[in-house]
Amino acid sequence: MTPADLSRTVLRAVRRAVEDETLSVAVPTRVVVERPRPGGRGDFASNVALQLAGPAGRPPREVAEVLTAALVREPGIADVQITGPGFLNFTLAADDPGRLVREVLARRAAYGRGDQLAGQDLTFAPVDEVRAAVVTDVAVRLLRTLGARAGVVPGAHEVLRVAPVPRGEGDVFERFGTDAARWALLSAPPQETPRFPAALLAQTEDNPLFRVRYAHARVHALLRNAADLGFAPEAGAAGDAEPAEGALHAFLADHPAELEAAAHHRAPDRLARHLVGGADTVLAYQHTVLPLGDEKPSAAHRARLALAEAAGTVLAGGLSLLGISAPVHL
């Protein structure tokens, strides 16, 4: 179960509680689930009970208990615990290790996209400042991944406010090229002034853009090397668990929620940070994928290759949403 699946499951539980008149409250449009903070438990947590308590006129823990009673019966959820004033903490049931990888590889660029905003018209006013224009462009792309009819329309009321490109930087697209310029404009939080160091063009590990694109290229190199060795990716159990393997599964599982958060907050920088984290994990994991020495390719190698391919697919899709290319050779 991915965070997006869990979010929809919790939302259904709220809707059923309202329909059964166990809760008297307007059903929210979305439920946020995230990794537990210090003091939390399990795999994911949500503050939905605290959000509903006021409108429902009931204590948060009481609302949490109502939802817990429904959620503990849901397939894919092993346990639900209430912590603090009413946080829901979810422990997920053991899953088929290849299910998520198969889903990513089946959906490819569509993985992580949803219909949470289907039917909604979300438009932005045109802007002249270069950074605001690029951020608006990506905000539109992100909102469309959630099913919204989004675009830039003269006369629209929403204007994205971002720190502009400093005077004196000149034409950053001419100086750095499209990919590096867009990364600099998008990866900084909106309120921070974007920076354009010479390292933007460096093919070194201290350049986050290079790491993301290099990780994607390394995945394709692994696929080519595996083909030369006579084996192909096949989702399944990868054998002895490596720390990076769990982190890669988390990267894939978190991707739909990261896209949704970036869209709702009009924050492409959130997606950029997500991609950097995934790329760093791919680079740490890559050395476990291919057989070593006289070792023969096994089911575990095929599963590791499939996991790497899924991660590369998500990296490419994320870069595409940012308007940045994802080369297969670098």
Protein backbone atom coordinates (compact mmCIF):
# COMPACT_ATOMS: atom_id res chain seq x y z
CA MET A 1 0.00 0.00 0.00
CA THR A 2 1.44 3.35 -1.07
CA PRO A 3 0.86 6.63 0.80
CA ALA A 4 -1.63 7.59 -1.92
CA ASP A 5 -3.49 4.30 -1.39
CA LEU A 6 -3.51 4.89 2.37
CA SER A 7 -4.75 8.45 1.93
CA ARG A 8 -7.67 7.23 -0.17
CA THR A 9 -8.40 4.47 2.35
CA VAL A 10 -8.57 6.95 5.24
CA LEU A 11 -10.75 9.27 3.17
CA ARG A 12 -13.16 6.39 2.50
CA ALA A 13 -13.29 5.67 6.23
CA VAL A 14 -14.22 9.30 6.91
CA ARG A 15 -16.89 9.19 4.22
CA ARG A 16 -18.39 5.97 5.63
CA ALA A 17 -18.42 7.42 9.14
CA VAL A 18 -20.33 10.44 7.85
CA GLU A 19 -22.76 8.28 5.88
CA ASP A 20 -23.33 6.08 8.95
CA GLU A 21 -23.83 9.26 11.01
CA THR A 22 -21.01 8.24 13.33
CA LEU A 23 -19.45 11.59 12.49
CA SER A 24 -21.24 14.78 11.57
CA VAL A 25 -18.76 16.73 9.49
CA ALA A 26 -18.07 17.75 5.89
CA VAL A 27 -15.93 15.14 4.14
CA PRO A 28 -12.55 16.68 3.26
CA THR A 29 -11.29 16.63 -0.31
CA ARG A 30 -8.04 14.95 0.71
CA VAL A 31 -6.29 13.36 3.66
CA VAL A 32 -2.58 13.91 4.17
CA VAL A 33 -0.47 10.98 5.33
CA GLU A 34 3.24 11.31 5.99
CA ARG A 35 6.13 9.56 7.66
CA PRO A 36 5.77 9.65 11.47
CA ARG A 37 7.46 12.49 13.27
CA PRO A 38 9.43 12.00 16.51
CA GLY A 39 7.13 10.30 19.01
CA GLY A 40 5.06 8.68 16.27
CA ARG A 41 4.83 5.00 15.47
CA GLY A 42 4.40 2.70 12.52
CA ASP A 43 4.95 3.44 8.84
CA PHE A 44 2.74 6.49 8.29
CA ALA A 45 0.75 9.01 10.30
CA SER A 46 -2.12 11.44 9.76
CA ASN A 47 -3.59 14.35 11.71
CA VAL A 48 -7.00 14.00 10.04
CA ALA A 49 -8.76 13.41 13.38
CA LEU A 50 -7.42 16.71 14.73
CA GLN A 51 -8.62 18.50 11.60
CA LEU A 52 -12.12 17.04 11.85
CA ALA A 53 -12.53 17.41 15.61
CA GLY A 54 -13.51 21.09 15.59
CA PRO A 55 -16.12 20.88 12.83
CA ALA A 56 -17.45 17.64 14.35
CA GLY A 57 -17.69 19.19 17.82
CA ARG A 58 -15.91 16.23 19.40
CA PRO A 59 -12.51 15.65 21.05
CA PRO A 60 -9.78 14.66 18.56
CA ARG A 61 -9.09 11.32 20.25
CA GLU A 62 -12.77 10.44 20.03
CA VAL A 63 -12.75 11.15 16.30
CA ALA A 64 -9.55 9.11 16.00
CA GLU A 65 -11.21 6.18 17.77
CA VAL A 66 -14.14 6.28 15.35
CA LEU A 67 -11.79 6.15 12.37
CA THR A 68 -9.54 3.53 13.94
CA ALA A 69 -12.45 1.14 14.39
CA ALA A 70 -13.05 1.23 10.63
CA LEU A 71 -9.45 1.30 9.48
CA VAL A 72 -8.14 -1.72 11.40
CA ARG A 73 -10.35 -3.90 9.19
CA GLU A 74 -8.93 -2.54 5.94
CA PRO A 75 -6.77 -4.85 3.81
CA GLY A 76 -3.19 -3.70 3.78
CA ILE A 77 -3.32 -2.13 7.25
CA ALA A 78 -1.87 -4.28 10.02
CA ASP A 79 -2.43 -1.88 12.91
CA VAL A 80 -3.66 1.61 13.76
CA GLN A 81 -2.54 3.36 16.95
CA ILE A 82 -3.55 6.72 18.37
CA THR A 83 -0.80 8.91 19.78
CA GLY A 84 -0.74 12.35 21.35
CA PRO A 85 -3.93 14.37 21.11
CA GLY A 86 -5.29 12.24 18.27
CA PHE A 87 -2.71 11.38 15.62
CA LEU A 88 -3.43 8.20 13.68
CA ASN A 89 -0.35 5.99 13.24
CA PHE A 90 -0.52 3.22 10.65
CA THR A 91 1.50 0.04 10.41
CA LEU A 92 1.08 -1.51 6.99
CA ALA A 93 0.71 -5.21 6.36
CA ALA A 94 3.56 -7.08 4.70
CA ASP A 95 3.29 -6.58 0.97
CA ASP A 96 4.34 -8.48 -2.12
CA PRO A 97 7.86 -7.06 -2.57
CA GLY A 98 7.42 -6.81 -6.32
CA ARG A 99 3.96 -5.27 -6.44
CA LEU A 100 5.03 -1.65 -6.23
CA VAL A 101 7.85 -2.14 -8.73
CA ARG A 102 5.45 -3.79 -11.19
CA GLU A 103 3.02 -0.90 -10.78
CA VAL A 104 5.72 1.68 -11.52
CA LEU A 105 6.99 -0.20 -14.55
CA ALA A 106 3.46 -0.73 -15.87
CA ARG A 107 2.42 2.90 -15.52
CA ARG A 108 5.78 4.45 -16.40
CA ALA A 109 5.43 8.24 -16.65
CA ALA A 110 1.84 8.02 -15.39
CA TYR A 111 2.92 6.56 -12.04
CA GLY A 112 1.96 8.89 -9.22
CA ARG A 113 -0.68 10.73 -11.19
CA GLY A 114 -4.24 10.77 -9.90
CA ASP A 115 -7.66 12.36 -10.16
CA GLN A 116 -7.82 14.23 -6.85
CA LEU A 117 -8.50 17.53 -8.64
CA ALA A 118 -10.55 16.15 -11.53
CA GLY A 119 -13.11 18.64 -12.75
CA GLN A 120 -11.45 21.64 -11.12
CA ASP A 121 -10.36 24.66 -13.16
CA LEU A 122 -7.17 26.16 -11.72
CA THR A 123 -5.72 29.04 -13.67
CA PHE A 124 -2.84 31.44 -13.18
CA ALA A 125 -2.25 34.95 -14.42
CA PRO A 126 0.55 35.44 -16.95
CA VAL A 127 3.80 36.81 -15.50
CA ASP A 128 6.83 38.38 -17.13
CA GLU A 129 9.56 37.70 -14.57
CA VAL A 130 11.51 34.66 -15.72
CA ARG A 131 11.49 32.66 -12.50
CA ALA A 132 7.81 33.28 -11.80
CA ALA A 133 7.01 32.17 -15.35
CA VAL A 134 8.98 28.91 -14.99
CA VAL A 135 7.50 28.12 -11.56
CA THR A 136 4.01 28.81 -12.91
CA ASP A 137 4.65 26.50 -15.86
CA VAL A 138 5.64 23.64 -13.54
CA ALA A 139 2.78 24.34 -11.13
CA VAL A 140 0.41 23.89 -14.07
CA ARG A 141 2.10 20.61 -15.01
CA LEU A 142 1.86 19.34 -11.44
CA LEU A 143 -1.80 20.26 -11.06
CA ARG A 144 -2.58 18.46 -14.29
CA THR A 145 -1.05 15.30 -12.82
CA LEU A 146 -3.90 15.41 -10.29
CA GLY A 147 -6.54 15.77 -12.99
CA ALA A 148 -7.09 19.53 -12.78
CA ARG A 149 -7.80 21.64 -15.82
CA ALA A 150 -4.90 23.99 -15.21
CA GLY A 151 -3.37 26.68 -17.37
CA VAL A 152 -2.19 30.27 -17.71
CA VAL A 153 -5.09 32.56 -18.60
CA PRO A 154 -5.12 36.37 -18.91
CA GLY A 155 -7.26 37.82 -16.15
CA ALA A 156 -6.83 34.86 -13.78
CA HIS A 157 -6.57 35.83 -10.12
CA GLU A 158 -3.86 33.47 -8.85
CA VAL A 159 -0.35 34.84 -9.23
CA LEU A 160 2.61 32.85 -7.94
CA ARG A 161 4.90 35.01 -5.82
CA VAL A 162 8.55 33.97 -5.88
CA ALA A 163 11.88 35.66 -5.23
CA PRO A 164 13.03 36.91 -8.65
CA VAL A 165 16.29 36.27 -10.46
CA PRO A 166 18.80 38.82 -9.12
CA ARG A 167 19.63 41.78 -11.29
CA GLY A 168 22.91 41.30 -13.05
CA GLU A 169 22.50 37.58 -13.72
CA GLY A 170 21.60 38.28 -17.33
CA ASP A 171 19.97 35.62 -19.50
CA VAL A 172 20.42 32.54 -17.33
CA PHE A 173 19.12 30.26 -20.07
CA GLU A 174 21.79 31.50 -22.45
CA ARG A 175 24.51 31.22 -19.78
CA PHE A 176 23.63 27.82 -18.37
CA GLY A 177 21.33 26.11 -20.86
CA THR A 178 17.74 25.06 -20.34
CA ASP A 179 18.27 22.16 -17.94
CA ALA A 180 20.64 23.85 -15.49
CA ALA A 181 18.77 27.16 -15.58
CA ARG A 182 15.41 25.51 -14.89
CA TRP A 183 16.92 23.48 -12.05
CA ALA A 184 18.30 26.61 -10.39
CA LEU A 185 14.99 28.42 -10.79
CA LEU A 186 12.89 25.52 -9.50
CA SER A 187 14.96 23.82 -6.82
CA ALA A 188 15.19 26.80 -4.48
CA PRO A 189 12.18 27.39 -2.19
CA PRO A 190 9.91 30.10 -3.65
CA GLN A 191 10.84 32.71 -1.04
CA GLU A 192 14.59 32.20 -1.53
CA THR A 193 16.62 33.95 -4.20
CA PRO A 194 17.83 31.44 -6.81
CA ARG A 195 21.59 31.02 -7.10
CA PHE A 196 23.56 30.48 -10.29
CA PRO A 197 27.04 29.22 -9.37
CA ALA A 198 29.39 27.87 -12.01
CA ALA A 199 28.95 24.45 -10.33
CA LEU A 200 25.52 24.23 -11.99
CA LEU A 201 27.35 22.95 -15.06
CA ALA A 202 29.82 20.73 -13.21
CA GLN A 203 29.58 16.97 -13.60
CA THR A 204 30.53 16.36 -9.98
CA GLU A 205 28.86 14.82 -6.95
CA ASP A 206 28.33 18.19 -5.28
CA ASN A 207 25.96 19.22 -8.09
CA PRO A 208 22.45 17.91 -7.23
CA LEU A 209 21.20 18.19 -10.82
CA PHE A 210 24.13 16.14 -12.07
CA ARG A 211 23.45 13.47 -9.42
CA VAL A 212 19.81 13.14 -10.45
CA ARG A 213 20.59 12.90 -14.15
CA TYR A 214 23.61 10.67 -13.54
CA ALA A 215 21.55 8.28 -11.40
CA HIS A 216 19.04 7.99 -14.23
CA ALA A 217 21.83 7.33 -16.73
CA ARG A 218 23.38 4.73 -14.41
CA VAL A 219 20.10 2.82 -14.33
CA HIS A 220 20.16 2.59 -18.11
CA ALA A 221 23.80 1.49 -17.99
CA LEU A 222 22.81 -1.29 -15.58
CA LEU A 223 20.05 -2.39 -17.95
CA ARG A 224 22.51 -2.49 -20.85
CA ASN A 225 25.10 -4.40 -18.81
CA ALA A 226 22.48 -6.88 -17.62
CA ALA A 227 21.37 -7.49 -21.20
CA ASP A 228 24.99 -8.24 -22.11
CA LEU A 229 25.04 -10.78 -19.27
CA GLY A 230 21.84 -12.36 -20.54
CA PHE A 231 19.27 -11.31 -17.96
CA ALA A 232 16.45 -8.81 -17.71
CA PRO A 233 14.58 -7.08 -14.87
CA GLU A 234 11.84 -9.04 -13.12
CA ALA A 235 10.10 -7.68 -10.04
CA GLY A 236 10.23 -9.85 -6.94
CA ALA A 237 12.16 -10.44 -3.74
CA ALA A 238 15.70 -9.08 -3.95
CA GLY A 239 17.27 -11.46 -1.44
CA ASP A 240 19.29 -10.08 1.46
CA ALA A 241 17.85 -6.66 2.20
CA GLU A 242 20.24 -3.75 1.72
CA PRO A 243 19.54 -0.47 3.55
CA ALA A 244 19.36 1.28 0.19
CA GLU A 245 16.78 -1.23 -1.01
CA GLY A 246 14.30 -0.19 1.66
CA ALA A 247 15.04 3.45 0.93
CA LEU A 248 14.36 2.89 -2.78
CA HIS A 249 11.03 1.23 -2.02
CA ALA A 250 10.18 4.22 0.18
CA PHE A 251 11.18 6.60 -2.63
CA LEU A 252 8.79 4.84 -5.01
CA ALA A 253 6.00 4.58 -2.44
CA ASP A 254 6.28 8.25 -1.47
CA HIS A 255 6.29 9.56 -5.04
CA PRO A 256 2.50 9.98 -5.49
CA ALA A 257 2.23 11.88 -2.21
CA GLU A 258 5.24 14.04 -3.12
CA LEU A 259 3.64 14.95 -6.44
CA GLU A 260 0.38 15.78 -4.70
CA ALA A 261 2.10 17.94 -2.08
CA ALA A 262 4.15 19.77 -4.70
CA ALA A 263 0.99 20.47 -6.69
CA HIS A 264 -1.13 21.63 -3.75
CA HIS A 265 1.60 23.93 -2.45
CA ARG A 266 2.65 25.12 -5.93
CA ALA A 267 6.13 24.06 -4.84
CA PRO A 268 8.32 22.49 -7.54
CA ASP A 269 11.23 22.63 -5.08
CA ARG A 270 9.59 19.82 -3.11
CA LEU A 271 9.70 17.59 -6.17
CA ALA A 272 13.33 18.57 -6.83
CA ARG A 273 14.35 17.58 -3.29
CA HIS A 274 12.46 14.31 -3.63
CA LEU A 275 14.36 13.50 -6.83
CA VAL A 276 17.72 14.29 -5.23
CA GLY A 277 16.97 11.91 -2.37
CA GLY A 278 15.94 9.17 -4.78
CA ALA A 279 19.01 9.71 -6.95
CA ASP A 280 21.36 9.47 -3.98
CA THR A 281 19.72 6.19 -3.00
CA VAL A 282 20.05 4.81 -6.54
CA LEU A 283 23.75 5.67 -6.56
CA ALA A 284 24.21 3.89 -3.23
CA TYR A 285 22.25 0.85 -4.46
CA GLN A 286 23.70 0.43 -7.95
CA HIS A 287 26.66 -1.67 -6.81
CA THR A 288 24.36 -4.47 -5.59
CA VAL A 289 22.50 -4.96 -8.87
CA LEU A 290 24.85 -6.91 -11.14
CA PRO A 291 26.56 -10.25 -10.41
CA LEU A 292 30.15 -10.02 -9.22
CA GLY A 293 33.02 -12.16 -10.48
CA ASP A 294 31.90 -15.68 -11.38
CA GLU A 295 28.48 -15.17 -9.81
CA LYS A 296 25.58 -16.21 -12.04
CA PRO A 297 22.55 -13.95 -12.52
CA SER A 298 19.81 -14.99 -10.11
CA ALA A 299 16.21 -14.06 -9.33
CA ALA A 300 17.57 -11.62 -6.76
CA HIS A 301 19.65 -9.86 -9.42
CA ARG A 302 16.62 -9.62 -11.69
CA ALA A 303 14.57 -8.17 -8.84
CA ARG A 304 17.27 -5.62 -7.97
CA LEU A 305 17.49 -4.60 -11.60
CA ALA A 306 13.71 -4.13 -11.73
CA LEU A 307 13.82 -2.00 -8.59
CA ALA A 308 16.57 0.14 -10.10
CA GLU A 309 14.63 0.47 -13.35
CA ALA A 310 11.53 1.57 -11.42
CA ALA A 311 13.56 4.21 -9.59
CA GLY A 312 15.02 5.43 -12.88
CA THR A 313 11.50 5.64 -14.31
CA VAL A 314 10.40 7.88 -11.43
CA LEU A 315 13.51 10.05 -11.80
CA ALA A 316 12.82 10.52 -15.51
CA GLY A 317 9.17 11.33 -14.89
CA GLY A 318 10.02 13.85 -12.21
CA LEU A 319 12.61 15.58 -14.37
CA SER A 320 10.10 15.72 -17.21
CA LEU A 321 7.59 17.51 -14.98
CA LEU A 322 10.31 20.05 -14.17
CA GLY A 323 10.95 20.49 -17.89
CA ILE A 324 14.44 18.99 -17.61
CA SER A 325 15.87 16.26 -19.84
CA ALA A 326 16.88 12.83 -18.53
CA PRO A 327 19.69 11.47 -20.74
CA VAL A 328 20.36 7.74 -20.83
CA HIS A 329 24.08 8.34 -21.42
CA LEU A 330 26.02 10.81 -19.30
